[in-house]
Amino acid sequence: MEKGKMASGRPHIAIVDPNVLATIGLRQLLQTVVPMMAVDVYPTFDAFLAGGGEGCYHYFVAQSVAVAHHLWFMDRRRKTLVLTLSSDPHSQLAGFRHLCVGVAEEALVCEVLRLVQQGHSGGRNLPTAETDAPRPTLTPREVEVLSLVVRGLMSKEIADRLHISLPTVNTHRKNICEKLGVKSVPALTVYAVMHGYVELRQIEGKG
């Protein structure tokens, strides 16, 4: 895979979408899933080129932009993902991989994780994150609770499964979130999959 443009030692991902507000959630998700990469947002194709976007690792592009500049992105289709609001293949641009952003947050998390794993040999070919921060240490029980949370179990179900009290489960959940610095289940899901606590197939289609 081509090297992406580097700034401060980090490769970049470009999001090209006129609806910049709609890209905020995707940008935050990508920054969580691939923190070793910088994520740049461009409202137009011209701004994308002017900002040096051509050298990015990947392009996440609104379908309207991909249509308007079809030949340019077709030549770089291995690096391009077209953003759509529908998973209907008849409404998608032929010849490209697609990411449907018109879905619930947890479904989008799973789809982005799948794309990362498929495109980077399960995450093994991703650039190395440059950080001195130690990885948080979870206790064996916290790992059990984390894996069940991201698989869709409610706290009461986790308590029953592990034969512990509901307050104990809630305490474990609180400690996990504090250690990892996250609060939402989607963020916990990203952490659990990217660090090997659960496999993506275990959480797809949950609920």
C-alpha atoms as a PDB file:
ATOM      1  CA  MET A   1       0.000   0.000   0.000  1.00  0.00           C
ATOM      2  CA  GLU A   2       1.221   3.492  -0.801  1.00  0.00           C
ATOM      3  CA  LYS A   3       2.630   5.592   1.970  1.00  0.00           C
ATOM      4  CA  GLY A   4       0.296   8.346   3.113  1.00  0.00           C
ATOM      5  CA  LYS A   5       1.452  11.916   3.528  1.00  0.00           C
ATOM      6  CA  MET A   6       3.283  12.429   6.770  1.00  0.00           C
ATOM      7  CA  ALA A   7       3.104  15.324   9.211  1.00  0.00           C
ATOM      8  CA  SER A   8       4.839  15.021  12.553  1.00  0.00           C
ATOM      9  CA  GLY A   9       5.541  11.417  11.607  1.00  0.00           C
ATOM     10  CA  ARG A  10       1.853  10.501  11.148  1.00  0.00           C
ATOM     11  CA  PRO A  11       0.155   9.251   7.977  1.00  0.00           C
ATOM     12  CA  HIS A  12      -3.121  10.931   7.049  1.00  0.00           C
ATOM     13  CA  ILE A  13      -6.648   9.908   6.132  1.00  0.00           C
ATOM     14  CA  ALA A  14      -8.730  12.366   4.096  1.00  0.00           C
ATOM     15  CA  ILE A  15     -12.499  12.799   4.319  1.00  0.00           C
ATOM     16  CA  VAL A  16     -13.874  14.749   1.349  1.00  0.00           C
ATOM     17  CA  ASP A  17     -17.505  15.703   1.876  1.00  0.00           C
ATOM     18  CA  PRO A  18     -19.357  19.010   1.334  1.00  0.00           C
ATOM     19  CA  ASN A  19     -21.478  18.231   4.402  1.00  0.00           C
ATOM     20  CA  VAL A  20     -18.698  18.840   6.913  1.00  0.00           C
ATOM     21  CA  LEU A  21     -21.022  18.611   9.922  1.00  0.00           C
ATOM     22  CA  ALA A  22     -22.038  15.109   8.874  1.00  0.00           C
ATOM     23  CA  THR A  23     -18.396  14.006   8.902  1.00  0.00           C
ATOM     24  CA  ILE A  24     -17.757  14.877  12.549  1.00  0.00           C
ATOM     25  CA  GLY A  25     -18.860  11.476  13.848  1.00  0.00           C
ATOM     26  CA  LEU A  26     -16.874   9.592  11.196  1.00  0.00           C
ATOM     27  CA  ARG A  27     -13.774  11.641  11.931  1.00  0.00           C
ATOM     28  CA  GLN A  28     -14.031  10.932  15.653  1.00  0.00           C
ATOM     29  CA  LEU A  29     -14.564   7.237  14.957  1.00  0.00           C
ATOM     30  CA  LEU A  30     -11.536   7.012  12.668  1.00  0.00           C
ATOM     31  CA  GLN A  31      -9.403   8.837  15.226  1.00  0.00           C
ATOM     32  CA  THR A  32     -10.454   6.232  17.786  1.00  0.00           C
ATOM     33  CA  VAL A  33      -9.970   3.181  15.550  1.00  0.00           C
ATOM     34  CA  VAL A  34      -6.671   4.302  13.985  1.00  0.00           C
ATOM     35  CA  PRO A  35      -5.175   6.821  16.449  1.00  0.00           C
ATOM     36  CA  MET A  36      -1.795   6.534  14.741  1.00  0.00           C
ATOM     37  CA  MET A  37      -3.239   8.417  11.750  1.00  0.00           C
ATOM     38  CA  ALA A  38      -4.291  12.048  11.421  1.00  0.00           C
ATOM     39  CA  VAL A  39      -7.740  12.632   9.914  1.00  0.00           C
ATOM     40  CA  ASP A  40      -8.230  15.670   7.668  1.00  0.00           C
ATOM     41  CA  VAL A  41     -11.641  16.913   6.502  1.00  0.00           C
ATOM     42  CA  TYR A  42     -12.082  18.804   3.223  1.00  0.00           C
ATOM     43  CA  PRO A  43     -15.381  20.360   2.047  1.00  0.00           C
ATOM     44  CA  THR A  44     -14.462  20.265  -1.656  1.00  0.00           C
ATOM     45  CA  PHE A  45     -12.246  18.350  -4.061  1.00  0.00           C
ATOM     46  CA  ASP A  46     -10.269  21.532  -4.811  1.00  0.00           C
ATOM     47  CA  ALA A  47      -9.600  22.074  -1.105  1.00  0.00           C
ATOM     48  CA  PHE A  48      -8.543  18.439  -0.861  1.00  0.00           C
ATOM     49  CA  LEU A  49      -5.949  18.839  -3.628  1.00  0.00           C
ATOM     50  CA  ALA A  50      -4.765  22.213  -2.330  1.00  0.00           C
ATOM     51  CA  GLY A  51      -4.256  20.706   1.120  1.00  0.00           C
ATOM     52  CA  GLY A  52      -2.027  17.943  -0.190  1.00  0.00           C
ATOM     53  CA  GLY A  53      -4.717  15.315   0.220  1.00  0.00           C
ATOM     54  CA  GLU A  54      -3.512  13.316  -2.757  1.00  0.00           C
ATOM     55  CA  GLY A  55      -0.767  11.822  -0.609  1.00  0.00           C
ATOM     56  CA  CYS A  56      -3.105  10.491   2.081  1.00  0.00           C
ATOM     57  CA  TYR A  57      -3.228   6.846   3.130  1.00  0.00           C
ATOM     58  CA  HIS A  58      -6.967   6.553   2.432  1.00  0.00           C
ATOM     59  CA  TYR A  59      -9.753   8.698   1.000  1.00  0.00           C
ATOM     60  CA  PHE A  60     -13.273   8.618   2.463  1.00  0.00           C
ATOM     61  CA  VAL A  61     -15.260  10.443  -0.204  1.00  0.00           C
ATOM     62  CA  ALA A  62     -18.889  11.539  -0.529  1.00  0.00           C
ATOM     63  CA  GLN A  63     -20.531   9.789  -3.458  1.00  0.00           C
ATOM     64  CA  SER A  64     -21.294  13.132  -5.115  1.00  0.00           C
ATOM     65  CA  VAL A  65     -17.580  13.996  -5.053  1.00  0.00           C
ATOM     66  CA  ALA A  66     -16.598  10.561  -6.365  1.00  0.00           C
ATOM     67  CA  VAL A  67     -19.065  10.925  -9.239  1.00  0.00           C
ATOM     68  CA  ALA A  68     -17.859  14.432 -10.133  1.00  0.00           C
ATOM     69  CA  HIS A  69     -14.212  13.312 -10.130  1.00  0.00           C
ATOM     70  CA  HIS A  70     -14.746   9.710 -11.136  1.00  0.00           C
ATOM     71  CA  LEU A  71     -11.573   9.181 -13.166  1.00  0.00           C
ATOM     72  CA  TRP A  72      -9.323  10.661 -10.479  1.00  0.00           C
ATOM     73  CA  PHE A  73     -10.671   8.401  -7.745  1.00  0.00           C
ATOM     74  CA  MET A  74     -10.982   5.382 -10.033  1.00  0.00           C
ATOM     75  CA  ASP A  75      -7.227   5.566 -10.609  1.00  0.00           C
ATOM     76  CA  ARG A  76      -6.849   5.416  -6.819  1.00  0.00           C
ATOM     77  CA  ARG A  77      -9.730   3.092  -6.020  1.00  0.00           C
ATOM     78  CA  ARG A  78      -7.601   0.836  -3.797  1.00  0.00           C
ATOM     79  CA  LYS A  79      -7.293   3.754  -1.384  1.00  0.00           C
ATOM     80  CA  THR A  80     -10.834   5.109  -1.842  1.00  0.00           C
ATOM     81  CA  LEU A  81     -14.015   4.391   0.107  1.00  0.00           C
ATOM     82  CA  VAL A  82     -17.191   6.050  -1.111  1.00  0.00           C
ATOM     83  CA  LEU A  83     -19.552   7.273   1.617  1.00  0.00           C
ATOM     84  CA  THR A  84     -23.215   6.432   1.046  1.00  0.00           C
ATOM     85  CA  LEU A  85     -26.456   6.763   2.964  1.00  0.00           C
ATOM     86  CA  SER A  86     -27.800   3.438   1.723  1.00  0.00           C
ATOM     87  CA  SER A  87     -26.449  -0.099   1.687  1.00  0.00           C
ATOM     88  CA  ASP A  88     -28.487  -0.850  -1.441  1.00  0.00           C
ATOM     89  CA  PRO A  89     -25.911  -1.903  -4.079  1.00  0.00           C
ATOM     90  CA  HIS A  90     -28.106  -0.462  -6.846  1.00  0.00           C
ATOM     91  CA  SER A  91     -27.583   3.029  -5.414  1.00  0.00           C
ATOM     92  CA  GLN A  92     -23.817   2.673  -5.092  1.00  0.00           C
ATOM     93  CA  LEU A  93     -21.051   3.673  -7.473  1.00  0.00           C
ATOM     94  CA  ALA A  94     -19.682   0.674  -9.363  1.00  0.00           C
ATOM     95  CA  GLY A  95     -16.018  -0.214  -9.024  1.00  0.00           C
ATOM     96  CA  PHE A  96     -15.489   1.180  -5.520  1.00  0.00           C
ATOM     97  CA  ARG A  97     -15.670  -0.042  -1.956  1.00  0.00           C
ATOM     98  CA  HIS A  98     -18.403   1.686   0.022  1.00  0.00           C
ATOM     99  CA  LEU A  99     -19.067   2.685   3.598  1.00  0.00           C
ATOM    100  CA  CYS A 100     -22.701   3.237   4.517  1.00  0.00           C
ATOM    101  CA  VAL A 101     -22.844   6.049   7.061  1.00  0.00           C
ATOM    102  CA  GLY A 102     -26.637   6.068   7.242  1.00  0.00           C
ATOM    103  CA  VAL A 103     -26.716   3.442   9.993  1.00  0.00           C
ATOM    104  CA  ALA A 104     -26.732   3.343  13.781  1.00  0.00           C
ATOM    105  CA  GLU A 105     -23.457   4.232  15.500  1.00  0.00           C
ATOM    106  CA  GLU A 106     -22.662   0.700  16.670  1.00  0.00           C
ATOM    107  CA  ALA A 107     -23.228  -0.703  13.171  1.00  0.00           C
ATOM    108  CA  LEU A 108     -20.912   1.958  11.738  1.00  0.00           C
ATOM    109  CA  VAL A 109     -18.267   1.061  14.326  1.00  0.00           C
ATOM    110  CA  CYS A 110     -18.397  -2.594  13.261  1.00  0.00           C
ATOM    111  CA  GLU A 111     -18.182  -1.683   9.583  1.00  0.00           C
ATOM    112  CA  VAL A 112     -15.152   0.575  10.077  1.00  0.00           C
ATOM    113  CA  LEU A 113     -13.447  -2.095  12.191  1.00  0.00           C
ATOM    114  CA  ARG A 114     -14.118  -4.653   9.454  1.00  0.00           C
ATOM    115  CA  LEU A 115     -12.639  -2.365   6.804  1.00  0.00           C
ATOM    116  CA  VAL A 116      -9.533  -1.782   8.913  1.00  0.00           C
ATOM    117  CA  GLN A 117      -9.049  -5.497   9.502  1.00  0.00           C
ATOM    118  CA  GLN A 118      -9.652  -6.439   5.873  1.00  0.00           C
ATOM    119  CA  GLY A 119      -7.453  -3.686   4.491  1.00  0.00           C
ATOM    120  CA  HIS A 120      -4.568  -4.103   6.910  1.00  0.00           C
ATOM    121  CA  SER A 121      -4.309  -7.853   7.537  1.00  0.00           C
ATOM    122  CA  GLY A 122      -6.284  -7.758  10.747  1.00  0.00           C
ATOM    123  CA  GLY A 123      -4.589  -4.533  11.816  1.00  0.00           C
ATOM    124  CA  ARG A 124      -1.067  -5.976  11.641  1.00  0.00           C
ATOM    125  CA  ASN A 125      -0.055  -3.731   8.721  1.00  0.00           C
ATOM    126  CA  LEU A 126      -1.189  -0.483  10.281  1.00  0.00           C
ATOM    127  CA  PRO A 127       1.432   2.203  10.937  1.00  0.00           C
ATOM    128  CA  THR A 128       2.851   2.088  14.434  1.00  0.00           C
ATOM    129  CA  ALA A 129       1.417   4.595  16.869  1.00  0.00           C
ATOM    130  CA  GLU A 130       4.009   6.974  18.246  1.00  0.00           C
ATOM    131  CA  THR A 131       3.164   7.219  21.916  1.00  0.00           C
ATOM    132  CA  ASP A 132       4.914   6.844  25.221  1.00  0.00           C
ATOM    133  CA  ALA A 133       1.655   6.259  27.068  1.00  0.00           C
ATOM    134  CA  PRO A 134       1.516   2.789  28.655  1.00  0.00           C
ATOM    135  CA  ARG A 135      -1.400   0.565  27.742  1.00  0.00           C
ATOM    136  CA  PRO A 136      -3.963   0.484  30.581  1.00  0.00           C
ATOM    137  CA  THR A 137      -3.959  -2.754  32.542  1.00  0.00           C
ATOM    138  CA  LEU A 138      -7.313  -4.440  33.026  1.00  0.00           C
ATOM    139  CA  THR A 139      -7.850  -7.149  35.614  1.00  0.00           C
ATOM    140  CA  PRO A 140      -9.041 -10.567  34.397  1.00  0.00           C
ATOM    141  CA  ARG A 141     -12.528  -9.805  35.736  1.00  0.00           C
ATOM    142  CA  GLU A 142     -12.581  -6.419  33.997  1.00  0.00           C
ATOM    143  CA  VAL A 143     -11.645  -8.149  30.738  1.00  0.00           C
ATOM    144  CA  GLU A 144     -14.575 -10.541  31.221  1.00  0.00           C
ATOM    145  CA  VAL A 145     -16.964  -7.664  31.866  1.00  0.00           C
ATOM    146  CA  LEU A 146     -15.616  -5.654  28.925  1.00  0.00           C
ATOM    147  CA  SER A 147     -16.041  -8.556  26.510  1.00  0.00           C
ATOM    148  CA  LEU A 148     -19.648  -9.065  27.604  1.00  0.00           C
ATOM    149  CA  VAL A 149     -20.502  -5.352  27.470  1.00  0.00           C
ATOM    150  CA  VAL A 150     -19.324  -5.014  23.874  1.00  0.00           C
ATOM    151  CA  ARG A 151     -21.175  -8.198  22.925  1.00  0.00           C
ATOM    152  CA  GLY A 152     -24.402  -6.456  23.891  1.00  0.00           C
ATOM    153  CA  LEU A 153     -25.197  -7.833  27.343  1.00  0.00           C
ATOM    154  CA  MET A 154     -26.867  -5.571  29.894  1.00  0.00           C
ATOM    155  CA  SER A 155     -25.406  -5.209  33.381  1.00  0.00           C
ATOM    156  CA  LYS A 156     -28.028  -7.538  34.915  1.00  0.00           C
ATOM    157  CA  GLU A 157     -27.249 -10.203  32.301  1.00  0.00           C
ATOM    158  CA  ILE A 158     -23.531  -9.847  32.990  1.00  0.00           C
ATOM    159  CA  ALA A 159     -24.141 -10.229  36.720  1.00  0.00           C
ATOM    160  CA  ASP A 160     -26.109 -13.423  36.110  1.00  0.00           C
ATOM    161  CA  ARG A 161     -23.522 -14.772  33.664  1.00  0.00           C
ATOM    162  CA  LEU A 162     -20.566 -14.165  35.997  1.00  0.00           C
ATOM    163  CA  HIS A 163     -22.456 -14.933  39.221  1.00  0.00           C
ATOM    164  CA  ILE A 164     -21.656 -11.566  40.760  1.00  0.00           C
ATOM    165  CA  SER A 165     -23.858  -8.768  42.075  1.00  0.00           C
ATOM    166  CA  LEU A 166     -25.217  -5.960  39.918  1.00  0.00           C
ATOM    167  CA  PRO A 167     -23.370  -3.267  41.949  1.00  0.00           C
ATOM    168  CA  THR A 168     -20.127  -5.191  41.365  1.00  0.00           C
ATOM    169  CA  VAL A 169     -20.739  -5.191  37.610  1.00  0.00           C
ATOM    170  CA  ASN A 170     -21.413  -1.456  37.680  1.00  0.00           C
ATOM    171  CA  THR A 171     -18.203  -0.890  39.633  1.00  0.00           C
ATOM    172  CA  HIS A 172     -16.230  -2.894  37.069  1.00  0.00           C
ATOM    173  CA  ARG A 173     -17.802  -0.912  34.223  1.00  0.00           C
ATOM    174  CA  LYS A 174     -16.934   2.366  35.939  1.00  0.00           C
ATOM    175  CA  ASN A 175     -13.333   1.258  36.510  1.00  0.00           C
ATOM    176  CA  ILE A 176     -12.960   0.077  32.897  1.00  0.00           C
ATOM    177  CA  CYS A 177     -14.200   3.386  31.514  1.00  0.00           C
ATOM    178  CA  GLU A 178     -11.905   5.357  33.824  1.00  0.00           C
ATOM    179  CA  LYS A 179      -8.860   3.259  32.906  1.00  0.00           C
ATOM    180  CA  LEU A 180      -9.507   3.483  29.165  1.00  0.00           C
ATOM    181  CA  GLY A 181     -10.669   7.094  29.205  1.00  0.00           C
ATOM    182  CA  VAL A 182     -13.890   6.334  27.323  1.00  0.00           C
ATOM    183  CA  LYS A 183     -17.566   6.376  28.232  1.00  0.00           C
ATOM    184  CA  SER A 184     -19.590   4.932  25.361  1.00  0.00           C
ATOM    185  CA  VAL A 185     -20.153   1.316  24.345  1.00  0.00           C
ATOM    186  CA  PRO A 186     -18.993   2.030  20.752  1.00  0.00           C
ATOM    187  CA  ALA A 187     -15.684   3.370  22.094  1.00  0.00           C
ATOM    188  CA  LEU A 188     -15.327   0.318  24.342  1.00  0.00           C
ATOM    189  CA  THR A 189     -16.067  -1.864  21.310  1.00  0.00           C
ATOM    190  CA  VAL A 190     -13.265  -0.257  19.316  1.00  0.00           C
ATOM    191  CA  TYR A 191     -10.803  -0.763  22.160  1.00  0.00           C
ATOM    192  CA  ALA A 192     -11.829  -4.368  22.777  1.00  0.00           C
ATOM    193  CA  VAL A 193     -11.538  -5.388  19.113  1.00  0.00           C
ATOM    194  CA  MET A 194      -8.348  -3.472  18.349  1.00  0.00           C
ATOM    195  CA  HIS A 195      -6.611  -4.927  21.415  1.00  0.00           C
ATOM    196  CA  GLY A 196      -7.770  -8.491  20.872  1.00  0.00           C
ATOM    197  CA  TYR A 197     -10.165  -8.862  23.799  1.00  0.00           C
ATOM    198  CA  VAL A 198     -12.983  -9.900  21.441  1.00  0.00           C
ATOM    199  CA  GLU A 199     -13.192 -10.848  17.793  1.00  0.00           C
ATOM    200  CA  LEU A 200     -15.269  -8.729  15.457  1.00  0.00           C
ATOM    201  CA  ARG A 201     -17.421 -11.724  14.491  1.00  0.00           C
ATOM    202  CA  GLN A 202     -18.481 -12.034  18.149  1.00  0.00           C
ATOM    203  CA  ILE A 203     -20.142  -8.620  18.182  1.00  0.00           C
ATOM    204  CA  GLU A 204     -21.538  -8.281  14.663  1.00  0.00           C
ATOM    205  CA  GLY A 205     -25.297  -8.526  14.600  1.00  0.00           C
ATOM    206  CA  LYS A 206     -25.578  -8.317  18.382  1.00  0.00           C
ATOM    207  CA  GLY A 207     -28.938  -7.457  19.802  1.00  0.00           C
END
